[in-house]
N, C-alpha and C. Protein backbone atom coordinates (compact mmCIF):
# COMPACT_ATOMS: atom_id res chain seq x y z
N MET A 1 80.78 54.53 122.68
CA MET A 1 79.68 55.23 123.28
C MET A 1 78.57 55.38 122.25
N THR A 2 77.37 55.08 122.64
CA THR A 2 76.24 55.24 121.72
C THR A 2 75.75 56.67 121.74
N VAL A 3 75.02 57.06 120.71
CA VAL A 3 74.54 58.43 120.58
C VAL A 3 73.68 58.82 121.78
N GLU A 4 72.83 57.93 122.29
CA GLU A 4 71.96 58.31 123.41
C GLU A 4 72.73 58.54 124.71
N ASN A 5 73.99 58.11 124.79
CA ASN A 5 74.80 58.34 125.99
C ASN A 5 75.76 59.52 125.87
N GLN A 6 75.75 60.20 124.72
CA GLN A 6 76.65 61.33 124.54
C GLN A 6 76.19 62.54 125.37
N ALA A 7 77.16 63.28 125.86
CA ALA A 7 76.86 64.50 126.60
C ALA A 7 76.23 65.53 125.67
N GLU A 8 75.45 66.42 126.24
CA GLU A 8 74.74 67.43 125.47
C GLU A 8 75.68 68.52 124.96
N VAL A 9 75.38 69.02 123.79
CA VAL A 9 76.02 70.21 123.21
C VAL A 9 74.88 71.11 122.76
N LYS A 10 74.98 72.39 123.07
CA LYS A 10 73.91 73.31 122.69
C LYS A 10 74.51 74.66 122.34
N VAL A 11 74.04 75.26 121.26
CA VAL A 11 74.43 76.60 120.86
C VAL A 11 73.20 77.49 121.05
N ILE A 12 73.38 78.59 121.77
CA ILE A 12 72.26 79.48 122.06
C ILE A 12 72.58 80.85 121.47
N GLY A 13 71.70 81.33 120.62
CA GLY A 13 71.91 82.62 119.96
C GLY A 13 71.70 83.80 120.90
N PRO A 14 72.07 85.01 120.45
CA PRO A 14 72.02 86.18 121.32
C PRO A 14 70.63 86.56 121.81
N GLU A 15 69.59 86.13 121.16
CA GLU A 15 68.23 86.45 121.60
C GLU A 15 67.43 85.19 121.96
N ASP A 16 68.13 84.05 122.14
CA ASP A 16 67.46 82.78 122.35
C ASP A 16 67.40 82.33 123.81
N SER A 17 67.46 83.26 124.74
CA SER A 17 67.39 82.87 126.15
C SER A 17 66.41 83.79 126.88
N ALA A 18 65.96 83.33 128.03
CA ALA A 18 65.08 84.17 128.85
C ALA A 18 65.82 85.44 129.24
N SER A 19 65.12 86.56 129.21
CA SER A 19 65.73 87.84 129.56
C SER A 19 64.71 88.65 130.36
N TYR A 20 65.22 89.38 131.36
CA TYR A 20 64.35 90.12 132.27
C TYR A 20 64.90 91.52 132.55
N TRP A 21 63.99 92.53 132.48
CA TRP A 21 64.33 93.86 132.97
C TRP A 21 64.43 93.75 134.48
N GLN A 22 65.37 94.48 135.08
CA GLN A 22 65.58 94.41 136.52
C GLN A 22 65.09 95.67 137.22
N PRO A 23 64.60 95.50 138.45
CA PRO A 23 64.11 96.65 139.21
C PRO A 23 65.24 97.48 139.80
N VAL A 24 64.87 98.59 140.45
CA VAL A 24 65.85 99.41 141.14
C VAL A 24 66.51 98.57 142.24
N PRO A 25 67.76 98.76 142.54
CA PRO A 25 68.64 99.84 142.10
C PRO A 25 69.49 99.49 140.88
N ALA A 26 69.40 98.25 140.36
CA ALA A 26 70.24 97.84 139.22
C ALA A 26 69.71 98.39 137.90
N ASN A 27 68.38 98.36 137.75
CA ASN A 27 67.77 98.69 136.46
C ASN A 27 68.45 97.80 135.42
N GLY A 28 68.55 98.18 134.19
CA GLY A 28 69.20 97.32 133.21
C GLY A 28 68.45 96.01 133.02
N PHE A 29 69.19 94.97 132.57
CA PHE A 29 68.54 93.70 132.27
C PHE A 29 69.52 92.54 132.42
N VAL A 30 68.96 91.34 132.50
CA VAL A 30 69.75 90.11 132.56
C VAL A 30 69.29 89.18 131.45
N ARG A 31 70.21 88.31 131.05
CA ARG A 31 69.89 87.16 130.20
C ARG A 31 70.28 85.92 130.99
N CYS A 32 69.37 84.99 131.12
CA CYS A 32 69.62 83.72 131.82
C CYS A 32 69.83 82.67 130.74
N ILE A 33 71.08 82.40 130.42
CA ILE A 33 71.42 81.64 129.22
C ILE A 33 71.51 80.14 129.50
N LEU A 34 72.35 79.74 130.45
CA LEU A 34 72.53 78.32 130.76
C LEU A 34 72.15 78.06 132.21
N ASN A 35 71.36 77.03 132.43
CA ASN A 35 70.95 76.63 133.77
C ASN A 35 70.31 75.25 133.65
N PRO A 36 69.95 74.62 134.74
CA PRO A 36 69.39 73.27 134.65
C PRO A 36 68.12 73.16 133.78
N GLY A 37 67.44 74.28 133.58
CA GLY A 37 66.27 74.26 132.71
C GLY A 37 66.59 74.33 131.23
N THR A 38 67.83 74.69 130.87
CA THR A 38 68.17 74.85 129.45
C THR A 38 69.20 73.84 128.95
N VAL A 39 70.00 73.27 129.85
CA VAL A 39 70.99 72.27 129.45
C VAL A 39 71.08 71.17 130.50
N LYS A 40 71.50 70.01 130.04
CA LYS A 40 71.76 68.89 130.95
C LYS A 40 73.27 68.82 131.17
N SER A 41 73.69 69.06 132.42
CA SER A 41 75.12 69.02 132.72
C SER A 41 75.34 68.15 133.95
N GLU A 42 76.54 67.62 134.07
CA GLU A 42 76.86 66.80 135.24
C GLU A 42 76.94 67.63 136.50
N ASN A 43 77.39 68.88 136.40
CA ASN A 43 77.53 69.76 137.54
C ASN A 43 76.53 70.90 137.41
N ARG A 44 75.76 71.12 138.46
CA ARG A 44 74.72 72.16 138.44
C ARG A 44 75.38 73.55 138.47
N PHE A 45 74.93 74.45 137.58
CA PHE A 45 75.40 75.82 137.51
C PHE A 45 74.38 76.66 136.75
N ALA A 46 74.57 77.97 136.81
CA ALA A 46 73.79 78.89 135.98
C ALA A 46 74.76 79.93 135.42
N MET A 47 74.46 80.40 134.21
CA MET A 47 75.33 81.38 133.54
C MET A 47 74.46 82.32 132.72
N GLY A 48 74.84 83.58 132.73
CA GLY A 48 74.10 84.55 131.93
C GLY A 48 74.89 85.83 131.83
N THR A 49 74.19 86.89 131.43
CA THR A 49 74.80 88.21 131.37
C THR A 49 73.91 89.18 132.12
N GLN A 50 74.51 90.27 132.57
CA GLN A 50 73.75 91.34 133.20
C GLN A 50 74.31 92.66 132.74
N THR A 51 73.42 93.60 132.48
CA THR A 51 73.78 94.97 132.15
C THR A 51 73.20 95.87 133.23
N VAL A 52 74.09 96.61 133.90
CA VAL A 52 73.68 97.55 134.94
C VAL A 52 73.64 98.93 134.32
N ALA A 53 72.51 99.60 134.46
CA ALA A 53 72.31 100.91 133.85
C ALA A 53 73.28 101.95 134.43
N PRO A 54 73.59 103.01 133.67
CA PRO A 54 74.46 104.07 134.17
C PRO A 54 73.95 104.64 135.49
N GLY A 55 74.88 104.85 136.43
CA GLY A 55 74.51 105.43 137.72
C GLY A 55 73.77 104.49 138.65
N CYS A 56 73.72 103.21 138.33
CA CYS A 56 72.97 102.25 139.14
C CYS A 56 73.91 101.22 139.77
N HIS A 57 73.35 100.31 140.56
CA HIS A 57 74.20 99.32 141.23
C HIS A 57 73.42 98.06 141.59
N ILE A 58 74.17 97.01 141.83
CA ILE A 58 73.62 95.78 142.40
C ILE A 58 73.96 95.83 143.88
N ARG A 59 72.94 95.86 144.69
CA ARG A 59 73.17 96.07 146.12
C ARG A 59 74.00 94.95 146.73
N GLU A 60 74.64 95.25 147.84
CA GLU A 60 75.49 94.26 148.50
C GLU A 60 74.65 93.08 148.98
N HIS A 61 75.26 91.89 148.88
CA HIS A 61 74.57 90.66 149.26
C HIS A 61 75.61 89.56 149.48
N THR A 62 75.13 88.41 149.96
CA THR A 62 75.97 87.21 150.06
C THR A 62 75.21 86.04 149.44
N HIS A 63 75.96 85.01 149.11
CA HIS A 63 75.40 83.73 148.68
C HIS A 63 75.93 82.70 149.67
N ASP A 64 75.05 82.16 150.51
CA ASP A 64 75.52 81.27 151.57
C ASP A 64 75.82 79.85 151.09
N ARG A 65 75.37 79.49 149.88
CA ARG A 65 75.59 78.14 149.36
C ARG A 65 76.19 78.15 147.95
N HIS A 66 76.64 79.31 147.48
CA HIS A 66 77.05 79.45 146.09
C HIS A 66 78.38 80.17 145.95
N GLU A 67 79.07 79.87 144.85
CA GLU A 67 80.25 80.61 144.43
C GLU A 67 79.89 81.33 143.14
N GLU A 68 80.52 82.48 142.92
CA GLU A 68 80.14 83.32 141.77
C GLU A 68 81.39 83.80 141.04
N VAL A 69 81.25 83.90 139.72
CA VAL A 69 82.30 84.49 138.88
C VAL A 69 81.63 85.60 138.06
N ILE A 70 82.28 86.75 138.01
CA ILE A 70 81.82 87.89 137.20
C ILE A 70 82.95 88.24 136.24
N HIS A 71 82.63 88.39 134.95
CA HIS A 71 83.63 88.78 133.96
C HIS A 71 83.07 89.97 133.17
N VAL A 72 83.70 91.12 133.30
CA VAL A 72 83.22 92.35 132.69
C VAL A 72 83.52 92.35 131.19
N THR A 73 82.49 92.66 130.38
CA THR A 73 82.65 92.70 128.92
C THR A 73 82.61 94.11 128.37
N SER A 74 81.93 95.04 129.07
CA SER A 74 81.91 96.43 128.62
C SER A 74 81.53 97.34 129.78
N GLY A 75 81.94 98.60 129.65
CA GLY A 75 81.67 99.57 130.70
C GLY A 75 82.70 99.48 131.82
N ARG A 76 82.55 100.36 132.78
CA ARG A 76 83.47 100.42 133.91
C ARG A 76 82.68 100.63 135.19
N GLY A 77 83.25 100.17 136.29
CA GLY A 77 82.64 100.36 137.58
C GLY A 77 83.53 99.77 138.64
N PHE A 78 82.91 99.32 139.72
CA PHE A 78 83.71 98.66 140.74
C PHE A 78 82.91 97.60 141.47
N ALA A 79 83.63 96.62 141.98
CA ALA A 79 83.07 95.60 142.85
C ALA A 79 83.35 96.04 144.27
N ARG A 80 82.33 96.06 145.10
CA ARG A 80 82.51 96.34 146.52
C ARG A 80 82.49 94.97 147.21
N ILE A 81 83.65 94.54 147.70
CA ILE A 81 83.78 93.22 148.32
C ILE A 81 84.22 93.41 149.77
N ASP A 82 83.37 92.97 150.68
CA ASP A 82 83.64 93.14 152.11
C ASP A 82 84.01 94.58 152.43
N GLY A 83 83.32 95.55 151.79
CA GLY A 83 83.53 96.96 152.07
C GLY A 83 84.66 97.63 151.32
N MET A 84 85.42 96.86 150.55
CA MET A 84 86.55 97.42 149.79
C MET A 84 86.16 97.52 148.32
N ASP A 85 86.41 98.67 147.70
CA ASP A 85 86.09 98.88 146.29
C ASP A 85 87.25 98.44 145.41
N GLN A 86 86.93 97.60 144.43
CA GLN A 86 87.91 97.09 143.46
C GLN A 86 87.47 97.52 142.07
N PRO A 87 88.31 98.28 141.32
CA PRO A 87 87.91 98.73 139.99
C PRO A 87 87.66 97.55 139.05
N MET A 88 86.69 97.73 138.17
CA MET A 88 86.38 96.73 137.14
C MET A 88 86.29 97.44 135.80
N GLU A 89 86.85 96.79 134.78
CA GLU A 89 86.80 97.30 133.41
C GLU A 89 86.71 96.10 132.48
N PRO A 90 86.49 96.30 131.19
CA PRO A 90 86.42 95.16 130.29
C PRO A 90 87.65 94.25 130.45
N GLY A 91 87.40 92.97 130.61
CA GLY A 91 88.45 91.98 130.81
C GLY A 91 88.68 91.64 132.27
N SER A 92 88.15 92.43 133.21
CA SER A 92 88.29 92.12 134.64
C SER A 92 87.41 90.93 135.00
N THR A 93 87.96 90.06 135.85
CA THR A 93 87.22 88.90 136.33
C THR A 93 87.29 88.87 137.85
N VAL A 94 86.16 88.59 138.48
CA VAL A 94 86.06 88.53 139.93
C VAL A 94 85.52 87.17 140.33
N PHE A 95 86.20 86.50 141.26
CA PHE A 95 85.69 85.26 141.86
C PHE A 95 85.25 85.60 143.28
N ILE A 96 84.05 85.15 143.65
CA ILE A 96 83.52 85.43 144.98
C ILE A 96 83.09 84.11 145.61
N GLY A 97 83.78 83.72 146.68
CA GLY A 97 83.44 82.50 147.40
C GLY A 97 82.20 82.69 148.27
N ARG A 98 81.72 81.58 148.83
CA ARG A 98 80.51 81.60 149.67
C ARG A 98 80.63 82.61 150.81
N ASP A 99 79.50 83.22 151.12
CA ASP A 99 79.34 84.10 152.28
C ASP A 99 80.21 85.35 152.28
N ARG A 100 80.70 85.77 151.14
CA ARG A 100 81.47 87.02 151.05
C ARG A 100 80.51 88.14 150.62
N LYS A 101 80.47 89.22 151.35
CA LYS A 101 79.60 90.34 151.05
C LYS A 101 80.14 91.06 149.80
N HIS A 102 79.28 91.23 148.81
CA HIS A 102 79.70 91.86 147.56
C HIS A 102 78.54 92.57 146.87
N GLY A 103 78.88 93.54 146.05
CA GLY A 103 77.94 94.26 145.21
C GLY A 103 78.71 94.88 144.06
N PHE A 104 78.00 95.43 143.09
CA PHE A 104 78.64 95.98 141.91
C PHE A 104 78.03 97.35 141.62
N VAL A 105 78.88 98.33 141.33
CA VAL A 105 78.45 99.71 141.15
C VAL A 105 78.90 100.21 139.79
N ASN A 106 77.97 100.84 139.07
CA ASN A 106 78.28 101.49 137.80
C ASN A 106 78.08 102.99 137.98
N PRO A 107 79.11 103.72 138.38
CA PRO A 107 78.95 105.16 138.59
C PRO A 107 79.03 105.97 137.30
N GLY A 108 79.37 105.33 136.19
CA GLY A 108 79.66 106.05 134.95
C GLY A 108 78.44 106.35 134.11
N PRO A 109 78.69 106.99 132.96
CA PRO A 109 77.61 107.40 132.06
C PRO A 109 77.19 106.31 131.06
N GLU A 110 77.91 105.19 131.02
CA GLU A 110 77.61 104.11 130.07
C GLU A 110 77.15 102.86 130.82
N PRO A 111 76.37 101.98 130.17
CA PRO A 111 76.02 100.71 130.82
C PRO A 111 77.28 99.90 131.11
N MET A 112 77.22 99.10 132.15
CA MET A 112 78.29 98.15 132.47
C MET A 112 77.71 96.75 132.33
N SER A 113 78.35 95.92 131.49
CA SER A 113 77.85 94.58 131.24
C SER A 113 78.88 93.55 131.64
N PHE A 114 78.40 92.40 132.12
CA PHE A 114 79.29 91.32 132.51
C PHE A 114 78.60 89.98 132.35
N VAL A 115 79.43 88.96 132.25
CA VAL A 115 78.97 87.57 132.27
C VAL A 115 78.99 87.13 133.73
N TRP A 116 77.95 86.47 134.19
CA TRP A 116 77.92 85.90 135.54
C TRP A 116 77.80 84.38 135.46
N PHE A 117 78.42 83.75 136.42
CA PHE A 117 78.43 82.28 136.49
C PHE A 117 78.24 81.94 137.96
N LEU A 118 77.20 81.20 138.30
CA LEU A 118 76.90 80.86 139.69
C LEU A 118 76.85 79.35 139.84
N MET A 119 77.59 78.87 140.84
CA MET A 119 77.63 77.42 141.10
C MET A 119 77.10 77.18 142.50
N PRO A 120 76.09 76.41 142.74
CA PRO A 120 75.47 75.45 141.84
C PRO A 120 74.28 75.96 141.05
N GLY A 121 74.05 77.20 140.89
CA GLY A 121 72.95 77.70 140.07
C GLY A 121 71.80 78.21 140.93
N GLY A 122 70.76 78.69 140.27
CA GLY A 122 69.59 79.20 140.94
C GLY A 122 69.37 80.69 140.75
N LEU A 123 70.38 81.42 140.30
CA LEU A 123 70.24 82.86 140.11
C LEU A 123 69.17 83.17 139.05
N GLU A 124 69.02 82.27 138.10
CA GLU A 124 68.00 82.46 137.07
C GLU A 124 66.60 82.53 137.68
N ASP A 125 66.35 81.76 138.74
CA ASP A 125 65.04 81.77 139.40
C ASP A 125 64.79 83.12 140.09
N PHE A 126 65.84 83.67 140.70
CA PHE A 126 65.71 84.98 141.35
C PHE A 126 65.39 86.06 140.31
N PHE A 127 66.16 86.10 139.21
CA PHE A 127 65.94 87.13 138.20
C PHE A 127 64.54 87.05 137.60
N ALA A 128 64.06 85.85 137.35
CA ALA A 128 62.71 85.68 136.80
C ALA A 128 61.65 86.17 137.79
N ALA A 129 61.87 85.92 139.08
CA ALA A 129 60.88 86.28 140.09
C ALA A 129 60.82 87.78 140.36
N ILE A 130 61.94 88.50 140.25
CA ILE A 130 61.91 89.93 140.56
C ILE A 130 61.79 90.82 139.33
N GLY A 131 62.08 90.26 138.14
CA GLY A 131 62.13 91.08 136.93
C GLY A 131 60.84 91.07 136.14
N ARG A 132 60.90 91.73 135.02
CA ARG A 132 59.80 91.76 134.04
C ARG A 132 60.36 91.23 132.74
N GLU A 133 59.61 90.36 132.09
CA GLU A 133 60.10 89.74 130.85
C GLU A 133 60.53 90.81 129.86
N ARG A 134 61.66 90.55 129.22
CA ARG A 134 62.25 91.46 128.23
C ARG A 134 62.19 90.81 126.85
N LYS A 135 61.68 91.53 125.88
CA LYS A 135 61.65 91.07 124.50
C LYS A 135 62.75 91.75 123.70
N PRO A 136 63.37 91.05 122.75
CA PRO A 136 64.44 91.66 121.95
C PRO A 136 64.00 92.96 121.30
N GLY A 137 64.84 93.99 121.41
CA GLY A 137 64.60 95.25 120.73
C GLY A 137 63.68 96.22 121.43
N GLU A 138 63.03 95.81 122.51
CA GLU A 138 62.11 96.74 123.15
C GLU A 138 62.87 97.74 124.02
N PRO A 139 62.33 98.95 124.16
CA PRO A 139 63.02 99.96 124.98
C PRO A 139 62.92 99.62 126.47
N ALA A 140 63.87 100.11 127.22
CA ALA A 140 63.87 99.88 128.67
C ALA A 140 62.65 100.55 129.30
N PRO A 141 62.04 99.88 130.27
CA PRO A 141 60.91 100.51 130.96
C PRO A 141 61.40 101.58 131.94
N GLU A 142 60.49 102.38 132.42
CA GLU A 142 60.82 103.31 133.51
C GLU A 142 61.25 102.48 134.70
N PRO A 143 62.15 102.99 135.54
CA PRO A 143 62.56 102.23 136.73
C PRO A 143 61.34 101.78 137.53
N PHE A 144 61.39 100.54 138.01
CA PHE A 144 60.26 99.99 138.76
C PHE A 144 60.78 99.36 140.05
N PRO A 145 59.92 99.29 141.07
CA PRO A 145 60.36 98.78 142.38
C PRO A 145 60.50 97.27 142.40
N ARG A 146 61.24 96.80 143.40
CA ARG A 146 61.36 95.37 143.65
C ARG A 146 60.00 94.85 144.12
N PRO A 147 59.70 93.56 143.94
CA PRO A 147 58.42 93.04 144.43
C PRO A 147 58.32 93.13 145.96
N ALA A 148 57.11 93.22 146.45
CA ALA A 148 56.88 93.35 147.90
C ALA A 148 57.47 92.18 148.68
N ASP A 149 57.51 90.99 148.07
CA ASP A 149 58.02 89.79 148.77
C ASP A 149 59.46 89.46 148.40
N VAL A 150 60.26 90.49 148.04
CA VAL A 150 61.63 90.25 147.58
C VAL A 150 62.47 89.50 148.63
N GLU A 151 62.27 89.77 149.91
CA GLU A 151 63.06 89.07 150.93
C GLU A 151 62.77 87.57 150.92
N ALA A 152 61.52 87.19 150.74
CA ALA A 152 61.17 85.76 150.66
C ALA A 152 61.76 85.14 149.39
N ILE A 153 61.74 85.88 148.29
CA ILE A 153 62.33 85.39 147.03
C ILE A 153 63.82 85.16 147.22
N GLU A 154 64.50 86.10 147.85
CA GLU A 154 65.94 85.95 148.10
C GLU A 154 66.22 84.70 148.94
N LYS A 155 65.47 84.51 149.99
CA LYS A 155 65.70 83.37 150.88
C LYS A 155 65.49 82.03 150.18
N ARG A 156 64.48 81.96 149.29
CA ARG A 156 64.21 80.67 148.64
C ARG A 156 65.07 80.41 147.40
N THR A 157 65.84 81.43 147.00
CA THR A 157 66.70 81.23 145.82
C THR A 157 68.16 81.11 146.25
N VAL A 158 68.96 82.15 146.11
CA VAL A 158 70.41 81.99 146.25
C VAL A 158 71.08 82.94 147.23
N PHE A 159 70.32 83.62 148.06
CA PHE A 159 70.91 84.63 148.92
C PHE A 159 70.96 84.22 150.38
N GLY A 160 72.07 84.57 151.03
CA GLY A 160 72.17 84.42 152.46
C GLY A 160 71.73 85.71 153.14
N TRP A 161 72.25 86.85 152.66
CA TRP A 161 71.93 88.17 153.18
C TRP A 161 71.92 89.14 152.01
N ALA A 162 71.05 90.14 152.09
CA ALA A 162 71.03 91.20 151.08
C ALA A 162 70.67 92.51 151.74
N ASP A 163 71.36 93.55 151.32
CA ASP A 163 71.08 94.91 151.81
C ASP A 163 69.61 95.22 151.60
N PRO A 164 68.87 95.52 152.66
CA PRO A 164 67.43 95.75 152.52
C PRO A 164 67.06 97.18 152.11
N SER A 165 68.03 98.04 151.83
CA SER A 165 67.74 99.46 151.61
C SER A 165 66.82 99.74 150.41
N HIS A 166 66.75 98.85 149.45
CA HIS A 166 65.88 99.08 148.29
C HIS A 166 64.65 98.19 148.30
N ASN A 167 64.40 97.50 149.41
CA ASN A 167 63.20 96.66 149.49
C ASN A 167 61.97 97.54 149.69
N PRO A 168 60.82 97.10 149.15
CA PRO A 168 59.58 97.85 149.39
C PRO A 168 59.29 97.91 150.88
N LYS A 169 58.77 99.03 151.31
CA LYS A 169 58.40 99.17 152.72
C LYS A 169 57.01 98.57 152.91
N GLY A 170 56.90 97.65 153.87
CA GLY A 170 55.61 96.96 154.07
C GLY A 170 54.80 97.47 155.19
């Protein structure tokens, strides 16, 4: 095999990826580490991390064309899957197939962080569209609302359905 035909290898440092502050109800932030814009892979996917602020949550939603893996690295909370609450703690891993209603809740006093992996990718586009760019070391902003066109953003990215309770009223 010649060098030009070798598969890509890339090492990305802790502050070397796009990162976005997230709006209510999750607050916290995401890092969009691996995706088609950052690596060349045979299979399309996206991978990153998300930190959900204390007392906050990721509202229930579905992915009609995607499968998702969540692996908790710190903090505690629960995954609400099809209305059933499943405890999550560091080391817990959740696989969510297409069209399964799910959300994540951090009821505790500490941030809850996890690695997310979405196949075939696209979650990075959603986070960039609804969030605010995050620079390393900067303090968290005051909670801010979701964009007025969040439903259109969801439809064009990776969502089949999402709880509309935190959408801006138009």
